[in-house]
Amino acid sequence: MTYRVCFVCTGNICRSPMAESVFRARVDDAGLEELIEVDSAGTGDWHEGENADPRALSVLEEHGYALDHTARRFESSWFARLDLVIALDSGHLKALRLLAPTKEDAAKIRLLRSYDPAATDDLDVPDPYYGGLSGFEECLEMVEEASAGLLAAVRDDVEGQVA
């Protein structure tokens, strides 16, 4: 049985594809690529069909991550096939909760930084789109810091499904 995780931001060209790339690398490093499927989407359709932002791709590549990506919009029907929906900020969390058809689906939604034990009260990953490369570097750092905790939680869920 495949465990499915989807990262969600606004346009699906910056934060969520970066999170998808980093988390997929963690899943692969852990040897769980046969058990866990990772993808991403946006709350809106502004960039649907486009590649990730060139700055996101540059920062990912500089840090050894790969990404083959086409932006798409999150659809409420996807909740039925997803195990975990990861919002990159509180605005995405609210939008996703409004899309969730059931309470069970809404329970699948989490903020990414809630998996970072060092995170403060502000669990949002800031949108780097309107800034320079430093914002993308900061985004990557936050994503990397939360990925270990997220992987541990997903691994526990996967092992619970297999047991």
N, C-alpha and C. Protein backbone atom coordinates (compact mmCIF):
# COMPACT_ATOMS: atom_id res chain seq x y z
N MET A 1 0.84 -1.18 0.00
CA MET A 1 0.00 0.00 0.00
C MET A 1 0.89 1.25 0.00
N THR A 2 0.62 2.19 -0.87
CA THR A 2 1.40 3.41 -1.00
C THR A 2 0.83 4.50 -0.09
N TYR A 3 1.71 5.16 0.62
CA TYR A 3 1.36 6.29 1.47
C TYR A 3 1.60 7.56 0.65
N ARG A 4 0.61 8.43 0.55
CA ARG A 4 0.70 9.59 -0.33
C ARG A 4 0.70 10.90 0.44
N VAL A 5 1.73 11.73 0.15
CA VAL A 5 1.90 13.03 0.78
C VAL A 5 1.87 14.10 -0.31
N CYS A 6 1.11 15.16 -0.09
CA CYS A 6 1.06 16.28 -1.04
C CYS A 6 1.36 17.57 -0.29
N PHE A 7 2.34 18.33 -0.78
CA PHE A 7 2.69 19.64 -0.23
C PHE A 7 1.91 20.71 -0.99
N VAL A 8 1.39 21.71 -0.27
CA VAL A 8 0.56 22.72 -0.90
C VAL A 8 0.99 24.13 -0.48
N CYS A 9 1.19 24.99 -1.49
CA CYS A 9 1.42 26.42 -1.26
C CYS A 9 0.45 27.18 -2.16
N THR A 10 0.74 28.41 -2.49
CA THR A 10 -0.20 29.23 -3.25
C THR A 10 -0.21 28.88 -4.73
N GLY A 11 0.90 29.08 -5.42
CA GLY A 11 0.94 28.88 -6.86
C GLY A 11 1.63 27.62 -7.32
N ASN A 12 2.23 26.88 -6.40
CA ASN A 12 2.91 25.62 -6.71
C ASN A 12 4.13 25.82 -7.60
N ILE A 13 4.84 26.95 -7.37
CA ILE A 13 6.08 27.14 -8.12
C ILE A 13 7.28 27.43 -7.22
N CYS A 14 7.05 27.67 -5.92
CA CYS A 14 8.16 27.99 -5.02
C CYS A 14 8.24 27.01 -3.85
N ARG A 15 7.44 27.30 -2.82
CA ARG A 15 7.56 26.57 -1.56
C ARG A 15 7.18 25.10 -1.67
N SER A 16 6.01 24.80 -2.23
CA SER A 16 5.59 23.39 -2.25
C SER A 16 6.46 22.52 -3.15
N PRO A 17 6.92 22.99 -4.32
CA PRO A 17 7.83 22.14 -5.08
C PRO A 17 9.18 21.95 -4.39
N MET A 18 9.63 22.98 -3.65
CA MET A 18 10.87 22.83 -2.90
C MET A 18 10.68 21.77 -1.81
N ALA A 19 9.56 21.83 -1.11
CA ALA A 19 9.28 20.83 -0.07
C ALA A 19 9.15 19.43 -0.68
N GLU A 20 8.49 19.35 -1.81
CA GLU A 20 8.36 18.06 -2.51
C GLU A 20 9.73 17.49 -2.83
N SER A 21 10.62 18.30 -3.37
CA SER A 21 11.95 17.85 -3.76
C SER A 21 12.76 17.38 -2.56
N VAL A 22 12.78 18.17 -1.50
CA VAL A 22 13.54 17.82 -0.31
C VAL A 22 12.98 16.57 0.34
N PHE A 23 11.67 16.50 0.49
CA PHE A 23 11.08 15.34 1.16
C PHE A 23 11.27 14.07 0.33
N ARG A 24 11.14 14.19 -0.98
CA ARG A 24 11.37 13.02 -1.84
C ARG A 24 12.81 12.51 -1.65
N ALA A 25 13.76 13.42 -1.56
CA ALA A 25 15.16 13.03 -1.33
C ALA A 25 15.30 12.29 0.01
N ARG A 26 14.62 12.78 1.05
CA ARG A 26 14.67 12.13 2.37
C ARG A 26 14.04 10.73 2.30
N VAL A 27 12.93 10.63 1.59
CA VAL A 27 12.26 9.34 1.42
C VAL A 27 13.19 8.36 0.69
N ASP A 28 13.82 8.83 -0.38
CA ASP A 28 14.74 7.98 -1.14
C ASP A 28 15.93 7.57 -0.29
N ASP A 29 16.51 8.52 0.45
CA ASP A 29 17.65 8.22 1.32
C ASP A 29 17.30 7.17 2.37
N ALA A 30 16.05 7.17 2.81
CA ALA A 30 15.59 6.21 3.82
C ALA A 30 15.20 4.87 3.20
N GLY A 31 15.25 4.78 1.86
CA GLY A 31 14.88 3.53 1.19
C GLY A 31 13.39 3.26 1.20
N LEU A 32 12.58 4.32 1.29
CA LEU A 32 11.13 4.16 1.38
C LEU A 32 10.39 4.57 0.11
N GLU A 33 11.14 4.77 -0.98
CA GLU A 33 10.52 5.26 -2.22
C GLU A 33 9.47 4.32 -2.79
N GLU A 34 9.51 3.05 -2.44
CA GLU A 34 8.48 2.11 -2.91
C GLU A 34 7.19 2.20 -2.08
N LEU A 35 7.29 2.84 -0.91
CA LEU A 35 6.15 2.90 0.00
C LEU A 35 5.50 4.28 0.09
N ILE A 36 6.27 5.33 -0.27
CA ILE A 36 5.78 6.70 -0.08
C ILE A 36 5.85 7.47 -1.40
N GLU A 37 4.72 8.05 -1.77
CA GLU A 37 4.63 8.89 -2.98
C GLU A 37 4.54 10.34 -2.54
N VAL A 38 5.32 11.21 -3.19
CA VAL A 38 5.39 12.61 -2.82
C VAL A 38 5.07 13.49 -4.03
N ASP A 39 4.19 14.48 -3.85
CA ASP A 39 3.93 15.45 -4.91
C ASP A 39 3.55 16.78 -4.29
N SER A 40 3.12 17.72 -5.13
CA SER A 40 2.76 19.05 -4.62
C SER A 40 1.70 19.68 -5.51
N ALA A 41 1.09 20.75 -4.98
CA ALA A 41 0.06 21.48 -5.72
C ALA A 41 -0.08 22.86 -5.11
N GLY A 42 -0.89 23.69 -5.75
CA GLY A 42 -1.15 25.04 -5.26
C GLY A 42 -2.61 25.22 -4.91
N THR A 43 -2.90 26.22 -4.09
CA THR A 43 -4.29 26.51 -3.75
C THR A 43 -5.00 27.23 -4.90
N GLY A 44 -4.22 27.83 -5.80
CA GLY A 44 -4.79 28.54 -6.94
C GLY A 44 -4.22 28.03 -8.24
N ASP A 45 -4.76 28.55 -9.34
CA ASP A 45 -4.34 28.07 -10.67
C ASP A 45 -3.48 29.08 -11.43
N TRP A 46 -2.91 30.06 -10.73
CA TRP A 46 -2.16 31.14 -11.37
C TRP A 46 -1.01 30.64 -12.25
N HIS A 47 -0.34 29.60 -11.84
CA HIS A 47 0.85 29.12 -12.55
C HIS A 47 0.67 27.71 -13.11
N GLU A 48 -0.56 27.25 -13.17
CA GLU A 48 -0.84 25.89 -13.64
C GLU A 48 -0.15 25.65 -14.99
N GLY A 49 0.54 24.52 -15.08
CA GLY A 49 1.23 24.14 -16.31
C GLY A 49 2.64 24.67 -16.44
N GLU A 50 3.05 25.55 -15.52
CA GLU A 50 4.40 26.12 -15.56
C GLU A 50 5.39 25.27 -14.76
N ASN A 51 6.66 25.49 -15.03
CA ASN A 51 7.72 24.85 -14.26
C ASN A 51 7.86 25.62 -12.94
N ALA A 52 8.67 25.10 -12.05
CA ALA A 52 8.96 25.80 -10.80
C ALA A 52 9.71 27.10 -11.10
N ASP A 53 9.64 28.04 -10.18
CA ASP A 53 10.36 29.30 -10.30
C ASP A 53 11.85 29.01 -10.51
N PRO A 54 12.49 29.68 -11.45
CA PRO A 54 13.92 29.43 -11.71
C PRO A 54 14.80 29.62 -10.48
N ARG A 55 14.41 30.52 -9.58
CA ARG A 55 15.19 30.73 -8.36
C ARG A 55 15.07 29.52 -7.43
N ALA A 56 13.89 28.93 -7.37
CA ALA A 56 13.71 27.72 -6.56
C ALA A 56 14.55 26.59 -7.13
N LEU A 57 14.49 26.44 -8.44
CA LEU A 57 15.28 25.38 -9.10
C LEU A 57 16.77 25.59 -8.86
N SER A 58 17.23 26.83 -8.95
CA SER A 58 18.64 27.14 -8.74
C SER A 58 19.10 26.78 -7.33
N VAL A 59 18.32 27.18 -6.34
CA VAL A 59 18.67 26.89 -4.94
C VAL A 59 18.63 25.39 -4.68
N LEU A 60 17.63 24.71 -5.20
CA LEU A 60 17.56 23.26 -5.03
C LEU A 60 18.78 22.58 -5.64
N GLU A 61 19.08 22.95 -6.87
CA GLU A 61 20.22 22.34 -7.57
C GLU A 61 21.52 22.61 -6.83
N GLU A 62 21.69 23.83 -6.36
CA GLU A 62 22.90 24.20 -5.62
C GLU A 62 23.10 23.34 -4.37
N HIS A 63 21.99 22.86 -3.81
CA HIS A 63 22.06 22.04 -2.60
C HIS A 63 21.89 20.54 -2.89
N GLY A 64 21.97 20.18 -4.15
CA GLY A 64 21.97 18.76 -4.51
C GLY A 64 20.61 18.11 -4.67
N TYR A 65 19.56 18.90 -4.82
CA TYR A 65 18.22 18.34 -5.00
C TYR A 65 17.80 18.42 -6.46
N ALA A 66 17.01 17.45 -6.88
CA ALA A 66 16.48 17.41 -8.24
C ALA A 66 14.98 17.69 -8.19
N LEU A 67 14.46 18.26 -9.27
CA LEU A 67 13.03 18.52 -9.34
C LEU A 67 12.58 18.54 -10.79
N ASP A 68 11.66 17.67 -11.11
CA ASP A 68 10.97 17.66 -12.40
C ASP A 68 9.53 18.04 -12.06
N HIS A 69 9.09 19.24 -12.45
CA HIS A 69 7.87 19.78 -11.88
C HIS A 69 7.02 20.53 -12.89
N THR A 70 5.71 20.34 -12.78
CA THR A 70 4.73 21.15 -13.50
C THR A 70 3.67 21.56 -12.49
N ALA A 71 3.46 22.87 -12.35
CA ALA A 71 2.51 23.40 -11.36
C ALA A 71 1.09 22.95 -11.68
N ARG A 72 0.35 22.71 -10.60
CA ARG A 72 -1.06 22.32 -10.73
C ARG A 72 -1.82 22.80 -9.50
N ARG A 73 -3.13 22.80 -9.63
CA ARG A 73 -4.00 23.25 -8.56
C ARG A 73 -4.53 22.05 -7.78
N PHE A 74 -4.57 22.19 -6.46
CA PHE A 74 -5.08 21.13 -5.59
C PHE A 74 -6.59 21.02 -5.78
N GLU A 75 -7.07 19.81 -5.90
CA GLU A 75 -8.50 19.54 -6.08
C GLU A 75 -9.04 18.81 -4.84
N SER A 76 -10.22 19.17 -4.40
CA SER A 76 -10.78 18.54 -3.19
C SER A 76 -10.95 17.03 -3.35
N SER A 77 -11.16 16.57 -4.56
CA SER A 77 -11.32 15.13 -4.79
C SER A 77 -10.05 14.34 -4.45
N TRP A 78 -8.91 15.02 -4.39
CA TRP A 78 -7.64 14.34 -4.09
C TRP A 78 -7.57 13.84 -2.65
N PHE A 79 -8.35 14.45 -1.75
CA PHE A 79 -8.30 14.01 -0.36
C PHE A 79 -8.53 12.51 -0.23
N ALA A 80 -9.38 11.95 -1.06
CA ALA A 80 -9.72 10.53 -0.97
C ALA A 80 -8.50 9.63 -1.17
N ARG A 81 -7.52 10.08 -1.97
CA ARG A 81 -6.36 9.23 -2.24
C ARG A 81 -5.11 9.63 -1.44
N LEU A 82 -5.18 10.76 -0.73
CA LEU A 82 -4.03 11.24 0.02
C LEU A 82 -4.10 10.82 1.49
N ASP A 83 -2.92 10.58 2.05
CA ASP A 83 -2.83 10.25 3.48
C ASP A 83 -2.48 11.47 4.31
N LEU A 84 -1.73 12.41 3.71
CA LEU A 84 -1.27 13.58 4.42
C LEU A 84 -1.16 14.74 3.44
N VAL A 85 -1.71 15.89 3.84
CA VAL A 85 -1.66 17.10 3.03
C VAL A 85 -0.91 18.14 3.86
N ILE A 86 0.23 18.60 3.34
CA ILE A 86 1.10 19.48 4.09
C ILE A 86 1.01 20.91 3.56
N ALA A 87 0.48 21.80 4.39
CA ALA A 87 0.36 23.22 4.04
C ALA A 87 1.66 23.94 4.41
N LEU A 88 2.06 24.90 3.57
CA LEU A 88 3.29 25.63 3.84
C LEU A 88 3.07 26.87 4.68
N ASP A 89 1.84 27.37 4.76
CA ASP A 89 1.56 28.45 5.70
C ASP A 89 0.10 28.38 6.15
N SER A 90 -0.24 29.23 7.12
CA SER A 90 -1.58 29.17 7.72
C SER A 90 -2.68 29.53 6.73
N GLY A 91 -2.39 30.36 5.73
CA GLY A 91 -3.38 30.67 4.69
C GLY A 91 -3.72 29.44 3.87
N HIS A 92 -2.70 28.65 3.55
CA HIS A 92 -2.94 27.40 2.82
C HIS A 92 -3.71 26.41 3.69
N LEU A 93 -3.39 26.39 4.97
CA LEU A 93 -4.09 25.50 5.90
C LEU A 93 -5.59 25.81 5.90
N LYS A 94 -5.92 27.10 5.99
CA LYS A 94 -7.33 27.49 5.98
C LYS A 94 -8.01 27.15 4.65
N ALA A 95 -7.33 27.43 3.54
CA ALA A 95 -7.90 27.13 2.22
C ALA A 95 -8.14 25.64 2.06
N LEU A 96 -7.21 24.84 2.51
CA LEU A 96 -7.35 23.38 2.39
C LEU A 96 -8.48 22.86 3.28
N ARG A 97 -8.60 23.41 4.47
CA ARG A 97 -9.69 22.97 5.36
C ARG A 97 -11.05 23.28 4.74
N LEU A 98 -11.15 24.40 4.02
CA LEU A 98 -12.40 24.74 3.34
C LEU A 98 -12.69 23.77 2.19
N LEU A 99 -11.64 23.23 1.58
CA LEU A 99 -11.80 22.28 0.48
C LEU A 99 -12.10 20.86 0.95
N ALA A 100 -11.75 20.54 2.18
CA ALA A 100 -11.89 19.17 2.68
C ALA A 100 -13.37 18.77 2.73
N PRO A 101 -13.73 17.69 2.03
CA PRO A 101 -15.13 17.27 2.00
C PRO A 101 -15.65 16.71 3.32
N THR A 102 -14.75 16.16 4.15
CA THR A 102 -15.17 15.53 5.41
C THR A 102 -14.23 15.94 6.55
N LYS A 103 -14.65 15.68 7.78
CA LYS A 103 -13.78 15.92 8.94
C LYS A 103 -12.54 15.04 8.87
N GLU A 104 -12.70 13.83 8.37
CA GLU A 104 -11.57 12.91 8.23
C GLU A 104 -10.54 13.48 7.25
N ASP A 105 -11.02 14.08 6.17
CA ASP A 105 -10.12 14.70 5.20
C ASP A 105 -9.42 15.91 5.82
N ALA A 106 -10.15 16.73 6.55
CA ALA A 106 -9.55 17.90 7.20
C ALA A 106 -8.48 17.47 8.20
N ALA A 107 -8.65 16.31 8.82
CA ALA A 107 -7.67 15.81 9.79
C ALA A 107 -6.35 15.41 9.13
N LYS A 108 -6.34 15.28 7.83
CA LYS A 108 -5.11 14.92 7.10
C LYS A 108 -4.20 16.12 6.86
N ILE A 109 -4.67 17.32 7.15
CA ILE A 109 -3.94 18.55 6.82
C ILE A 109 -3.08 18.98 8.01
N ARG A 110 -1.81 19.27 7.72
CA ARG A 110 -0.87 19.73 8.74
C ARG A 110 0.00 20.85 8.18
N LEU A 111 0.53 21.68 9.05
CA LEU A 111 1.53 22.68 8.66
C LEU A 111 2.90 22.02 8.66
N LEU A 112 3.69 22.27 7.64
CA LEU A 112 5.01 21.65 7.52
C LEU A 112 5.88 21.91 8.75
N ARG A 113 5.94 23.15 9.19
CA ARG A 113 6.85 23.47 10.29
C ARG A 113 6.39 22.92 11.63
N SER A 114 5.19 22.36 11.70
CA SER A 114 4.78 21.70 12.94
C SER A 114 5.63 20.46 13.19
N TYR A 115 6.37 20.02 12.19
CA TYR A 115 7.26 18.87 12.33
C TYR A 115 8.69 19.28 12.70
N ASP A 116 8.93 20.57 12.86
CA ASP A 116 10.25 21.07 13.24
C ASP A 116 10.22 21.39 14.73
N PRO A 117 10.90 20.58 15.56
CA PRO A 117 10.84 20.82 17.01
C PRO A 117 11.45 22.16 17.43
N ALA A 118 12.28 22.76 16.60
CA ALA A 118 12.90 24.04 16.93
C ALA A 118 12.08 25.23 16.45
N ALA A 119 10.99 24.99 15.75
CA ALA A 119 10.17 26.09 15.22
C ALA A 119 9.50 26.85 16.36
N THR A 120 9.35 28.15 16.17
CA THR A 120 8.69 28.99 17.17
C THR A 120 7.18 28.93 16.97
N ASP A 121 6.48 29.88 17.53
CA ASP A 121 5.02 29.92 17.38
C ASP A 121 4.57 30.19 15.95
N ASP A 122 5.38 30.90 15.17
CA ASP A 122 5.05 31.18 13.78
C ASP A 122 5.49 30.00 12.92
N LEU A 123 4.53 29.22 12.47
CA LEU A 123 4.85 28.00 11.71
C LEU A 123 4.77 28.20 10.20
N ASP A 124 4.61 29.45 9.76
CA ASP A 124 4.55 29.72 8.32
C ASP A 124 5.93 29.69 7.69
N VAL A 125 6.01 29.14 6.48
CA VAL A 125 7.19 29.28 5.65
C VAL A 125 6.92 30.51 4.78
N PRO A 126 7.70 31.59 4.94
CA PRO A 126 7.44 32.82 4.19
C PRO A 126 7.54 32.60 2.68
N ASP A 127 6.71 33.32 1.94
CA ASP A 127 6.70 33.23 0.48
C ASP A 127 7.90 33.98 -0.09
N PRO A 128 8.81 33.29 -0.78
CA PRO A 128 10.00 33.96 -1.31
C PRO A 128 9.79 34.62 -2.67
N TYR A 129 8.62 34.46 -3.27
CA TYR A 129 8.37 34.83 -4.65
C TYR A 129 8.74 36.28 -4.99
N TYR A 130 8.41 37.22 -4.13
CA TYR A 130 8.62 38.64 -4.44
C TYR A 130 9.98 39.16 -3.97
N GLY A 131 10.84 38.26 -3.51
CA GLY A 131 12.15 38.67 -3.04
C GLY A 131 13.27 38.07 -3.87
N GLY A 132 14.45 38.08 -3.30
CA GLY A 132 15.62 37.56 -3.99
C GLY A 132 15.95 36.14 -3.58
N LEU A 133 17.12 35.71 -3.97
CA LEU A 133 17.57 34.34 -3.68
C LEU A 133 17.62 34.03 -2.19
N SER A 134 17.90 35.02 -1.37
CA SER A 134 18.00 34.75 0.07
C SER A 134 16.69 34.20 0.64
N GLY A 135 15.56 34.65 0.11
CA GLY A 135 14.27 34.13 0.55
C GLY A 135 14.09 32.66 0.18
N PHE A 136 14.62 32.28 -0.96
CA PHE A 136 14.55 30.88 -1.38
C PHE A 136 15.48 30.02 -0.53
N GLU A 137 16.64 30.59 -0.17
CA GLU A 137 17.57 29.88 0.72
C GLU A 137 16.91 29.67 2.09
N GLU A 138 16.24 30.72 2.60
CA GLU A 138 15.55 30.61 3.88
C GLU A 138 14.44 29.56 3.82
N CYS A 139 13.70 29.56 2.72
CA CYS A 139 12.64 28.58 2.52
C CYS A 139 13.22 27.17 2.55
N LEU A 140 14.30 26.96 1.82
CA LEU A 140 14.92 25.64 1.78
C LEU A 140 15.37 25.21 3.18
N GLU A 141 15.96 26.12 3.91
CA GLU A 141 16.42 25.81 5.26
C GLU A 141 15.26 25.36 6.15
N MET A 142 14.14 26.08 6.09
CA MET A 142 12.97 25.73 6.89
C MET A 142 12.40 24.36 6.49
N VAL A 143 12.37 24.12 5.19
CA VAL A 143 11.87 22.84 4.68
C VAL A 143 12.77 21.70 5.15
N GLU A 144 14.08 21.90 5.04
CA GLU A 144 15.01 20.86 5.48
C GLU A 144 14.88 20.58 6.97
N GLU A 145 14.73 21.63 7.76
CA GLU A 145 14.62 21.46 9.21
C GLU A 145 13.35 20.70 9.61
N ALA A 146 12.29 20.84 8.87
CA ALA A 146 11.04 20.15 9.19
C ALA A 146 10.99 18.73 8.61
N SER A 147 11.81 18.46 7.62
CA SER A 147 11.72 17.18 6.89
C SER A 147 12.06 15.96 7.72
N ALA A 148 13.00 16.08 8.65
CA ALA A 148 13.36 14.93 9.48
C ALA A 148 12.17 14.51 10.35
N GLY A 149 11.52 15.47 10.99
CA GLY A 149 10.36 15.16 11.81
C GLY A 149 9.19 14.64 10.99
N LEU A 150 9.01 15.22 9.81
CA LEU A 150 7.94 14.75 8.93
C LEU A 150 8.22 13.31 8.50
N LEU A 151 9.46 13.02 8.13
CA LEU A 151 9.79 11.66 7.72
C LEU A 151 9.55 10.67 8.86
N ALA A 152 9.91 11.03 10.06
CA ALA A 152 9.69 10.15 11.21
C ALA A 152 8.19 9.88 11.41
N ALA A 153 7.37 10.91 11.28
CA ALA A 153 5.92 10.75 11.44
C ALA A 153 5.34 9.88 10.33
N VAL A 154 5.78 10.12 9.09
CA VAL A 154 5.27 9.34 7.97
C VAL A 154 5.73 7.88 8.09
N ARG A 155 6.99 7.69 8.49
CA ARG A 155 7.50 6.32 8.68
C ARG A 155 6.65 5.57 9.71
N ASP A 156 6.29 6.25 10.81
CA ASP A 156 5.43 5.63 11.82
C ASP A 156 4.07 5.26 11.24
N ASP A 157 3.49 6.15 10.44
CA ASP A 157 2.21 5.87 9.80
C ASP A 157 2.31 4.70 8.83
N VAL A 158 3.38 4.68 8.04
CA VAL A 158 3.58 3.59 7.07
C VAL A 158 3.74 2.26 7.79
N GLU A 159 4.55 2.25 8.84
CA GLU A 159 4.76 1.01 9.60
C GLU A 159 3.47 0.57 10.26
N GLY A 160 2.63 1.53 10.68
CA GLY A 160 1.34 1.20 11.27
C GLY A 160 0.39 0.58 10.26
N GLN A 161 0.48 1.00 8.99
CA GLN A 161 -0.37 0.42 7.93
C GLN A 161 0.08 -0.97 7.56
N VAL A 162 1.40 -1.21 7.62
CA VAL A 162 1.96 -2.51 7.23
C VAL A 162 1.74 -3.54 8.32
N ALA A 163 1.77 -3.07 9.57
CA ALA A 163 1.66 -4.00 10.73
C ALA A 163 0.30 -4.66 10.80
